[in-house]
PDB file of N, CA and C in Angstrom:
ATOM      1  N   MET A   1      65.700 -74.427 -32.395  1.00  0.00           N
ATOM      2  CA  MET A   1      65.697 -73.763 -31.780  1.00  0.00           C
ATOM      3  C   MET A   1      64.811 -73.143 -30.738  1.00  0.00           C
ATOM      4  N   GLY A   2      65.230 -72.157 -30.207  1.00  0.00           N
ATOM      5  CA  GLY A   2      64.279 -71.054 -29.986  1.00  0.00           C
ATOM      6  C   GLY A   2      64.274 -69.782 -30.127  1.00  0.00           C
ATOM      7  N   ARG A   3      63.288 -69.080 -29.696  1.00  0.00           N
ATOM      8  CA  ARG A   3      64.317 -67.544 -29.922  1.00  0.00           C
ATOM      9  C   ARG A   3      64.749 -66.676 -28.076  1.00  0.00           C
ATOM     10  N   ARG A   4      65.066 -65.819 -28.532  1.00  0.00           N
ATOM     11  CA  ARG A   4      65.181 -65.236 -27.115  1.00  0.00           C
ATOM     12  C   ARG A   4      64.635 -64.798 -26.428  1.00  0.00           C
ATOM     13  N   ARG A   5      64.100 -64.801 -25.082  1.00  0.00           N
ATOM     14  CA  ARG A   5      63.340 -64.556 -24.154  1.00  0.00           C
ATOM     15  C   ARG A   5      62.875 -63.100 -24.384  1.00  0.00           C
ATOM     16  N   ARG A   6      62.432 -61.743 -23.978  1.00  0.00           N
ATOM     17  CA  ARG A   6      62.148 -61.488 -24.016  1.00  0.00           C
ATOM     18  C   ARG A   6      62.337 -59.942 -22.803  1.00  0.00           C
ATOM     19  N   ARG A   7      63.471 -59.575 -21.617  1.00  0.00           N
ATOM     20  CA  ARG A   7      63.066 -59.225 -20.358  1.00  0.00           C
ATOM     21  C   ARG A   7      61.902 -58.701 -20.529  1.00  0.00           C
ATOM     22  N   VAL A   8      60.350 -58.762 -19.255  1.00  0.00           N
ATOM     23  CA  VAL A   8      59.819 -57.750 -18.351  1.00  0.00           C
ATOM     24  C   VAL A   8      60.033 -56.680 -18.240  1.00  0.00           C
ATOM     25  N   VAL A   9      58.893 -55.615 -18.648  1.00  0.00           N
ATOM     26  CA  VAL A   9      59.412 -54.714 -18.910  1.00  0.00           C
ATOM     27  C   VAL A   9      58.102 -54.076 -17.195  1.00  0.00           C
ATOM     28  N   LYS A  10      58.774 -53.762 -16.125  1.00  0.00           N
ATOM     29  CA  LYS A  10      57.956 -53.448 -15.141  1.00  0.00           C
ATOM     30  C   LYS A  10      57.383 -52.272 -14.954  1.00  0.00           C
ATOM     31  N   ILE A  11      56.037 -51.809 -15.182  1.00  0.00           N
ATOM     32  CA  ILE A  11      55.505 -50.730 -14.794  1.00  0.00           C
ATOM     33  C   ILE A  11      55.461 -49.876 -13.561  1.00  0.00           C
ATOM     34  N   VAL A  12      56.688 -48.998 -13.639  1.00  0.00           N
ATOM     35  CA  VAL A  12      56.418 -48.143 -11.853  1.00  0.00           C
ATOM     36  C   VAL A  12      54.941 -46.735 -12.382  1.00  0.00           C
ATOM     37  N   LYS A  13      53.946 -47.443 -10.518  1.00  0.00           N
ATOM     38  CA  LYS A  13      52.565 -46.131 -10.804  1.00  0.00           C
ATOM     39  C   LYS A  13      53.311 -45.697  -9.537  1.00  0.00           C
ATOM     40  N   LYS A  14      53.262 -44.083 -10.179  1.00  0.00           N
ATOM     41  CA  LYS A  14      53.384 -42.825  -8.818  1.00  0.00           C
ATOM     42  C   LYS A  14      52.255 -43.456  -8.051  1.00  0.00           C
ATOM     43  N   LYS A  15      53.424 -42.766  -6.774  1.00  0.00           N
ATOM     44  CA  LYS A  15      52.241 -43.025  -5.446  1.00  0.00           C
ATOM     45  C   LYS A  15      51.864 -41.330  -5.008  1.00  0.00           C
ATOM     46  N   LEU A  16      51.154 -41.536  -4.598  1.00  0.00           N
ATOM     47  CA  LEU A  16      50.675 -40.505  -3.624  1.00  0.00           C
ATOM     48  C   LEU A  16      51.382 -39.507  -2.868  1.00  0.00           C
ATOM     49  N   PRO A  17      51.290 -37.650  -2.489  1.00  0.00           N
ATOM     50  CA  PRO A  17      52.406 -37.926  -0.839  1.00  0.00           C
ATOM     51  C   PRO A  17      51.694 -37.816  -0.038  1.00  0.00           C
ATOM     52  N   THR A  18      52.228 -38.204   1.138  1.00  0.00           N
ATOM     53  CA  THR A  18      52.183 -38.157   1.853  1.00  0.00           C
ATOM     54  C   THR A  18      52.431 -37.207   3.338  1.00  0.00           C
ATOM     55  N   ILE A  19      53.913 -35.782   2.326  1.00  0.00           N
ATOM     56  CA  ILE A  19      54.579 -34.372   3.124  1.00  0.00           C
ATOM     57  C   ILE A  19      53.272 -34.015   2.545  1.00  0.00           C
ATOM     58  N   PHE A  20      53.253 -32.433   2.290  1.00  0.00           N
ATOM     59  CA  PHE A  20      52.430 -30.827   1.856  1.00  0.00           C
ATOM     60  C   PHE A  20      54.315 -30.148   2.300  1.00  0.00           C
ATOM     61  N   VAL A  21      53.452 -28.979   1.332  1.00  0.00           N
ATOM     62  CA  VAL A  21      54.339 -27.866   1.678  1.00  0.00           C
ATOM     63  C   VAL A  21      53.198 -27.020   2.306  1.00  0.00           C
ATOM     64  N   CYS A  22      53.685 -26.305   3.343  1.00  0.00           N
ATOM     65  CA  CYS A  22      53.193 -25.244   4.081  1.00  0.00           C
ATOM     66  C   CYS A  22      52.307 -23.904   3.282  1.00  0.00           C
ATOM     67  N   PRO A  23      52.035 -23.895   3.872  1.00  0.00           N
ATOM     68  CA  PRO A  23      51.645 -22.575   3.278  1.00  0.00           C
ATOM     69  C   PRO A  23      51.551 -21.727   3.621  1.00  0.00           C
ATOM     70  N   ALA A  24      51.513 -21.604   4.470  1.00  0.00           N
ATOM     71  CA  ALA A  24      52.287 -20.652   5.533  1.00  0.00           C
ATOM     72  C   ALA A  24      53.901 -19.798   6.084  1.00  0.00           C
ATOM     73  N   CYS A  25      54.687 -21.352   6.048  1.00  0.00           N
ATOM     74  CA  CYS A  25      56.207 -20.671   5.936  1.00  0.00           C
ATOM     75  C   CYS A  25      57.121 -21.539   5.185  1.00  0.00           C
ATOM     76  N   GLY A  26      56.451 -22.023   3.902  1.00  0.00           N
ATOM     77  CA  GLY A  26      57.405 -22.586   2.818  1.00  0.00           C
ATOM     78  C   GLY A  26      57.994 -23.874   2.864  1.00  0.00           C
ATOM     79  N   GLU A  27      58.327 -24.709   4.229  1.00  0.00           N
ATOM     80  CA  GLU A  27      58.514 -26.039   4.433  1.00  0.00           C
ATOM     81  C   GLU A  27      57.517 -27.474   3.594  1.00  0.00           C
ATOM     82  N   GLU A  28      58.115 -28.166   3.401  1.00  0.00           N
ATOM     83  CA  GLU A  28      57.836 -29.151   3.528  1.00  0.00           C
ATOM     84  C   GLU A  28      57.366 -30.069   4.530  1.00  0.00           C
ATOM     85  N   SER A  29      56.511 -29.613   5.322  1.00  0.00           N
ATOM     86  CA  SER A  29      56.502 -30.207   6.525  1.00  0.00           C
ATOM     87  C   SER A  29      55.110 -30.967   7.087  1.00  0.00           C
ATOM     88  N   MET A  30      54.140 -30.099   5.715  1.00  0.00           N
ATOM     89  CA  MET A  30      52.534 -30.228   6.692  1.00  0.00           C
ATOM     90  C   MET A  30      52.663 -32.386   6.315  1.00  0.00           C
ATOM     91  N   LYS A  31      50.844 -32.440   7.790  1.00  0.00           N
ATOM     92  CA  LYS A  31      51.057 -34.542   7.483  1.00  0.00           C
ATOM     93  C   LYS A  31      49.975 -33.993   8.128  1.00  0.00           C
ATOM     94  N   VAL A  32      49.274 -34.759   6.793  1.00  0.00           N
ATOM     95  CA  VAL A  32      47.913 -34.873   6.925  1.00  0.00           C
ATOM     96  C   VAL A  32      47.521 -36.950   7.922  1.00  0.00           C
ATOM     97  N   THR A  33      46.922 -36.324   9.021  1.00  0.00           N
ATOM     98  CA  THR A  33      46.272 -37.828   9.627  1.00  0.00           C
ATOM     99  C   THR A  33      44.820 -37.769   9.803  1.00  0.00           C
ATOM    100  N   MET A  34      44.435 -38.601   9.294  1.00  0.00           N
ATOM    101  CA  MET A  34      42.823 -39.893   9.119  1.00  0.00           C
ATOM    102  C   MET A  34      42.296 -40.018  10.267  1.00  0.00           C
ATOM    103  N   VAL A  35      41.113 -40.037  10.665  1.00  0.00           N
ATOM    104  CA  VAL A  35      41.281 -40.555  12.876  1.00  0.00           C
ATOM    105  C   VAL A  35      40.042 -41.421  11.647  1.00  0.00           C
ATOM    106  N   SER A  36      40.425 -42.826  11.850  1.00  0.00           N
ATOM    107  CA  SER A  36      39.361 -43.660  11.372  1.00  0.00           C
ATOM    108  C   SER A  36      38.288 -43.928  11.831  1.00  0.00           C
ATOM    109  N   GLY A  37      36.994 -44.080  11.482  1.00  0.00           N
ATOM    110  CA  GLY A  37      35.637 -44.638  12.190  1.00  0.00           C
ATOM    111  C   GLY A  37      34.988 -42.632  12.673  1.00  0.00           C
ATOM    112  N   LYS A  38      35.429 -42.046  13.061  1.00  0.00           N
ATOM    113  CA  LYS A  38      35.222 -40.673  12.980  1.00  0.00           C
ATOM    114  C   LYS A  38      34.894 -40.127  12.128  1.00  0.00           C
ATOM    115  N   GLY A  39      35.979 -39.831  11.019  1.00  0.00           N
ATOM    116  CA  GLY A  39      35.574 -39.816  10.408  1.00  0.00           C
ATOM    117  C   GLY A  39      36.485 -37.305   9.972  1.00  0.00           C
ATOM    118  N   ASN A  40      37.199 -37.471  10.763  1.00  0.00           N
ATOM    119  CA  ASN A  40      37.887 -36.624  11.152  1.00  0.00           C
ATOM    120  C   ASN A  40      39.278 -37.015  10.973  1.00  0.00           C
ATOM    121  N   ALA A  41      40.182 -35.256  10.011  1.00  0.00           N
ATOM    122  CA  ALA A  41      40.852 -35.397   9.745  1.00  0.00           C
ATOM    123  C   ALA A  41      41.741 -33.873   9.846  1.00  0.00           C
ATOM    124  N   VAL A  42      43.813 -34.381  10.803  1.00  0.00           N
ATOM    125  CA  VAL A  42      43.477 -33.296  11.580  1.00  0.00           C
ATOM    126  C   VAL A  42      45.115 -33.094  10.091  1.00  0.00           C
ATOM    127  N   VAL A  43      44.925 -31.347   9.392  1.00  0.00           N
ATOM    128  CA  VAL A  43      46.514 -30.881   8.561  1.00  0.00           C
ATOM    129  C   VAL A  43      47.572 -30.198   9.619  1.00  0.00           C
ATOM    130  N   GLN A  44      48.989 -30.587  10.135  1.00  0.00           N
ATOM    131  CA  GLN A  44      49.331 -29.536  11.187  1.00  0.00           C
ATOM    132  C   GLN A  44      50.514 -30.099  10.642  1.00  0.00           C
ATOM    133  N   CYS A  45      51.489 -28.512   9.924  1.00  0.00           N
ATOM    134  CA  CYS A  45      52.827 -28.417  10.086  1.00  0.00           C
ATOM    135  C   CYS A  45      53.507 -28.732  11.319  1.00  0.00           C
ATOM    136  N   GLY A  46      54.660 -29.461  10.910  1.00  0.00           N
ATOM    137  CA  GLY A  46      55.294 -29.240  11.681  1.00  0.00           C
ATOM    138  C   GLY A  46      56.610 -28.105  12.434  1.00  0.00           C
ATOM    139  N   SER A  47      56.883 -27.562  11.079  1.00  0.00           N
ATOM    140  CA  SER A  47      58.117 -26.220  11.472  1.00  0.00           C
ATOM    141  C   SER A  47      57.256 -25.143  12.336  1.00  0.00           C
ATOM    142  N   CYS A  48      55.499 -25.282  11.387  1.00  0.00           N
ATOM    143  CA  CYS A  48      55.354 -23.451  11.975  1.00  0.00           C
ATOM    144  C   CYS A  48      54.602 -23.940  13.323  1.00  0.00           C
ATOM    145  N   LYS A  49      53.191 -24.923  12.931  1.00  0.00           N
ATOM    146  CA  LYS A  49      52.369 -25.689  13.880  1.00  0.00           C
ATOM    147  C   LYS A  49      51.797 -25.736  13.851  1.00  0.00           C
ATOM    148  N   ILE A  50      51.101 -24.235  12.754  1.00  0.00           N
ATOM    149  CA  ILE A  50      49.690 -24.241  11.816  1.00  0.00           C
ATOM    150  C   ILE A  50      49.320 -25.941  12.159  1.00  0.00           C
ATOM    151  N   LYS A  51      47.554 -25.979  12.462  1.00  0.00           N
ATOM    152  CA  LYS A  51      47.139 -26.952  13.219  1.00  0.00           C
ATOM    153  C   LYS A  51      45.088 -26.506  12.782  1.00  0.00           C
ATOM    154  N   GLU A  52      44.644 -27.486  11.654  1.00  0.00           N
ATOM    155  CA  GLU A  52      43.419 -27.599  11.835  1.00  0.00           C
ATOM    156  C   GLU A  52      42.543 -28.861  11.646  1.00  0.00           C
ATOM    157  N   GLU A  53      41.721 -29.224  12.438  1.00  0.00           N
ATOM    158  CA  GLU A  53      40.338 -30.158  11.392  1.00  0.00           C
ATOM    159  C   GLU A  53      39.204 -30.348  10.633  1.00  0.00           C
ATOM    160  N   PHE A  54      38.984 -31.025  10.054  1.00  0.00           N
ATOM    161  CA  PHE A  54      37.828 -30.513   9.633  1.00  0.00           C
ATOM    162  C   PHE A  54      36.882 -32.304   9.179  1.00  0.00           C
ATOM    163  N   THR A  55      35.549 -32.363   9.612  1.00  0.00           N
ATOM    164  CA  THR A  55      34.954 -33.436   9.247  1.00  0.00           C
ATOM    165  C   THR A  55      34.611 -34.076   8.536  1.00  0.00           C
ATOM    166  N   VAL A  56      34.858 -34.895   7.776  1.00  0.00           N
ATOM    167  CA  VAL A  56      35.646 -35.315   6.879  1.00  0.00           C
ATOM    168  C   VAL A  56      35.068 -37.011   5.569  1.00  0.00           C
ATOM    169  N   PRO A  57      33.960 -36.860   4.636  1.00  0.00           N
ATOM    170  CA  PRO A  57      33.355 -37.945   4.440  1.00  0.00           C
ATOM    171  C   PRO A  57      34.887 -38.749   3.908  1.00  0.00           C
ATOM    172  N   SER A  58      34.194 -40.194   4.400  1.00  0.00           N
ATOM    173  CA  SER A  58      35.017 -41.624   4.199  1.00  0.00           C
ATOM    174  C   SER A  58      35.462 -41.501   3.256  1.00  0.00           C
ATOM    175  N   SER A  59      35.062 -41.122   2.295  1.00  0.00           N
ATOM    176  CA  SER A  59      35.743 -41.848   0.341  1.00  0.00           C
ATOM    177  C   SER A  59      36.782 -40.451   0.017  1.00  0.00           C
ATOM    178  N   SER A  60      37.095 -39.629   1.244  1.00  0.00           N
ATOM    179  CA  SER A  60      37.798 -39.143   0.807  1.00  0.00           C
ATOM    180  C   SER A  60      39.536 -38.692   0.856  1.00  0.00           C
ATOM    181  N   SER A  61      40.349 -38.932   0.038  1.00  0.00           N
ATOM    182  CA  SER A  61      41.858 -39.045  -0.053  1.00  0.00           C
ATOM    183  C   SER A  61      42.263 -37.743   0.890  1.00  0.00           C
ATOM    184  N   ILE A  62      44.474 -37.927   0.914  1.00  0.00           N
ATOM    185  CA  ILE A  62      43.969 -37.404   1.853  1.00  0.00           C
ATOM    186  C   ILE A  62      45.018 -36.098   1.485  1.00  0.00           C
ATOM    187  N   VAL A  63      44.190 -36.502  -0.464  1.00  0.00           N
ATOM    188  CA  VAL A  63      44.936 -35.068  -0.840  1.00  0.00           C
ATOM    189  C   VAL A  63      44.430 -33.986  -0.980  1.00  0.00           C
ATOM    190  N   ASP A  64      43.170 -34.878  -1.442  1.00  0.00           N
ATOM    191  CA  ASP A  64      41.767 -33.683  -0.698  1.00  0.00           C
ATOM    192  C   ASP A  64      41.237 -33.464   0.141  1.00  0.00           C
ATOM    193  N   ILE A  65      42.124 -33.403   1.617  1.00  0.00           N
ATOM    194  CA  ILE A  65      41.413 -33.514   2.375  1.00  0.00           C
ATOM    195  C   ILE A  65      42.796 -31.876   3.213  1.00  0.00           C
ATOM    196  N   TYR A  66      44.242 -31.975   2.384  1.00  0.00           N
ATOM    197  CA  TYR A  66      44.799 -30.795   2.238  1.00  0.00           C
ATOM    198  C   TYR A  66      44.585 -30.140   1.030  1.00  0.00           C
ATOM    199  N   CYS A  67      44.193 -30.464  -0.129  1.00  0.00           N
ATOM    200  CA  CYS A  67      43.517 -28.978  -1.063  1.00  0.00           C
ATOM    201  C   CYS A  67      42.413 -27.866  -0.069  1.00  0.00           C
ATOM    202  N   MET A  68      41.991 -29.151   0.743  1.00  0.00           N
ATOM    203  CA  MET A  68      40.501 -28.403   1.847  1.00  0.00           C
ATOM    204  C   MET A  68      40.929 -27.424   2.577  1.00  0.00           C
ATOM    205  N   PHE A  69      42.103 -27.625   3.267  1.00  0.00           N
ATOM    206  CA  PHE A  69      42.921 -26.490   4.114  1.00  0.00           C
ATOM    207  C   PHE A  69      43.402 -25.682   3.133  1.00  0.00           C
ATOM    208  N   THR A  70      44.403 -25.936   2.241  1.00  0.00           N
ATOM    209  CA  THR A  70      44.749 -25.058   1.983  1.00  0.00           C
ATOM    210  C   THR A  70      43.665 -24.004   0.535  1.00  0.00           C
ATOM    211  N   ASP A  71      42.933 -24.618   0.300  1.00  0.00           N
ATOM    212  CA  ASP A  71      41.611 -23.454   0.112  1.00  0.00           C
ATOM    213  C   ASP A  71      40.919 -22.711   1.525  1.00  0.00           C
ATOM    214  N   LYS A  72      40.962 -22.984   2.976  1.00  0.00           N
ATOM    215  CA  LYS A  72      39.908 -22.436   3.368  1.00  0.00           C
ATOM    216  C   LYS A  72      41.642 -20.839   4.729  1.00  0.00           C
ATOM    217  N   TYR A  73      43.281 -21.371   3.599  1.00  0.00           N
ATOM    218  CA  TYR A  73      44.446 -20.740   4.122  1.00  0.00           C
ATOM    219  C   TYR A  73      44.512 -19.566   3.801  1.00  0.00           C
ATOM    220  N   TYR A  74      43.930 -19.494   2.138  1.00  0.00           N
ATOM    221  CA  TYR A  74      43.829 -18.066   0.825  1.00  0.00           C
ATOM    222  C   TYR A  74      42.797 -18.230   1.342  1.00  0.00           C
ATOM    223  N   GLY A  75      41.887 -18.736   1.089  1.00  0.00           N
ATOM    224  CA  GLY A  75      40.085 -17.001   1.355  1.00  0.00           C
ATOM    225  C   GLY A  75      39.983 -16.603   2.493  1.00  0.00           C
ATOM    226  N   SER A  76      40.744 -17.060   3.884  1.00  0.00           N
ATOM    227  CA  SER A  76      40.718 -16.557   4.125  1.00  0.00           C
ATOM    228  C   SER A  76      42.017 -15.405   5.413  1.00  0.00           C
ATOM    229  N   ARG A  77      42.632 -15.521   4.305  1.00  0.00           N
ATOM    230  CA  ARG A  77      44.159 -15.174   4.791  1.00  0.00           C
ATOM    231  C   ARG A  77      43.299 -12.930   4.408  1.00  0.00           C
ATOM    232  N   ILE A  78      44.058 -11.845   5.179  1.00  0.00           N
ATOM    233  CA  ILE A  78      44.040 -11.638   4.819  1.00  0.00           C
ATOM    234  C   ILE A  78      44.538 -10.448   3.642  1.00  0.00           C
ATOM    235  N   LYS A  79      44.692 -10.231   2.829  1.00  0.00           N
ATOM    236  CA  LYS A  79      45.578  -9.625   1.841  1.00  0.00           C
ATOM    237  C   LYS A  79      46.665  -7.582   2.052  1.00  0.00           C
ATOM    238  N   PRO A  80      47.194  -7.731   2.351  1.00  0.00           N
ATOM    239  CA  PRO A  80      47.649  -6.644   2.324  1.00  0.00           C
ATOM    240  C   PRO A  80      47.324  -5.615   1.698  1.00  0.00           C
ATOM    241  N   GLU A  81      47.113  -4.273   2.428  1.00  0.00           N
ATOM    242  CA  GLU A  81      46.104  -3.567   1.639  1.00  0.00           C
ATOM    243  C   GLU A  81      47.028  -2.464   0.200  1.00  0.00           C
ATOM    244  N   SER A  82      47.558  -2.001  -0.557  1.00  0.00           N
ATOM    245  CA  SER A  82      48.317  -2.128  -1.568  1.00  0.00           C
ATOM    246  C   SER A  82      48.480  -0.054  -1.832  1.00  0.00           C
ATOM    247  N   GLU A  83      49.221   0.853  -1.214  1.00  0.00           N
ATOM    248  CA  GLU A  83      49.867   1.621  -1.061  1.00  0.00           C
ATOM    249  C   GLU A  83      49.552   2.532  -2.175  1.00  0.00           C
TER     250      GLU A  83
END
């Protein structure tokens, strides 16, 4: 007699997101598209239509490009004066 076989436990790997939260409108509708061959990437919101193009190295991922967009958005935004 042999012993009972153990169940194989499958390890679930988390995937990187493809749609992000827009810093302007707060909706989860930011899409990052990379143009293959040229080294360009386009970050665009589906609801408020904000759009930005970046020149990126081929080794960067979609999350890196989204972080570049948010850094540029928050860095150049004019803050209201305190009263």
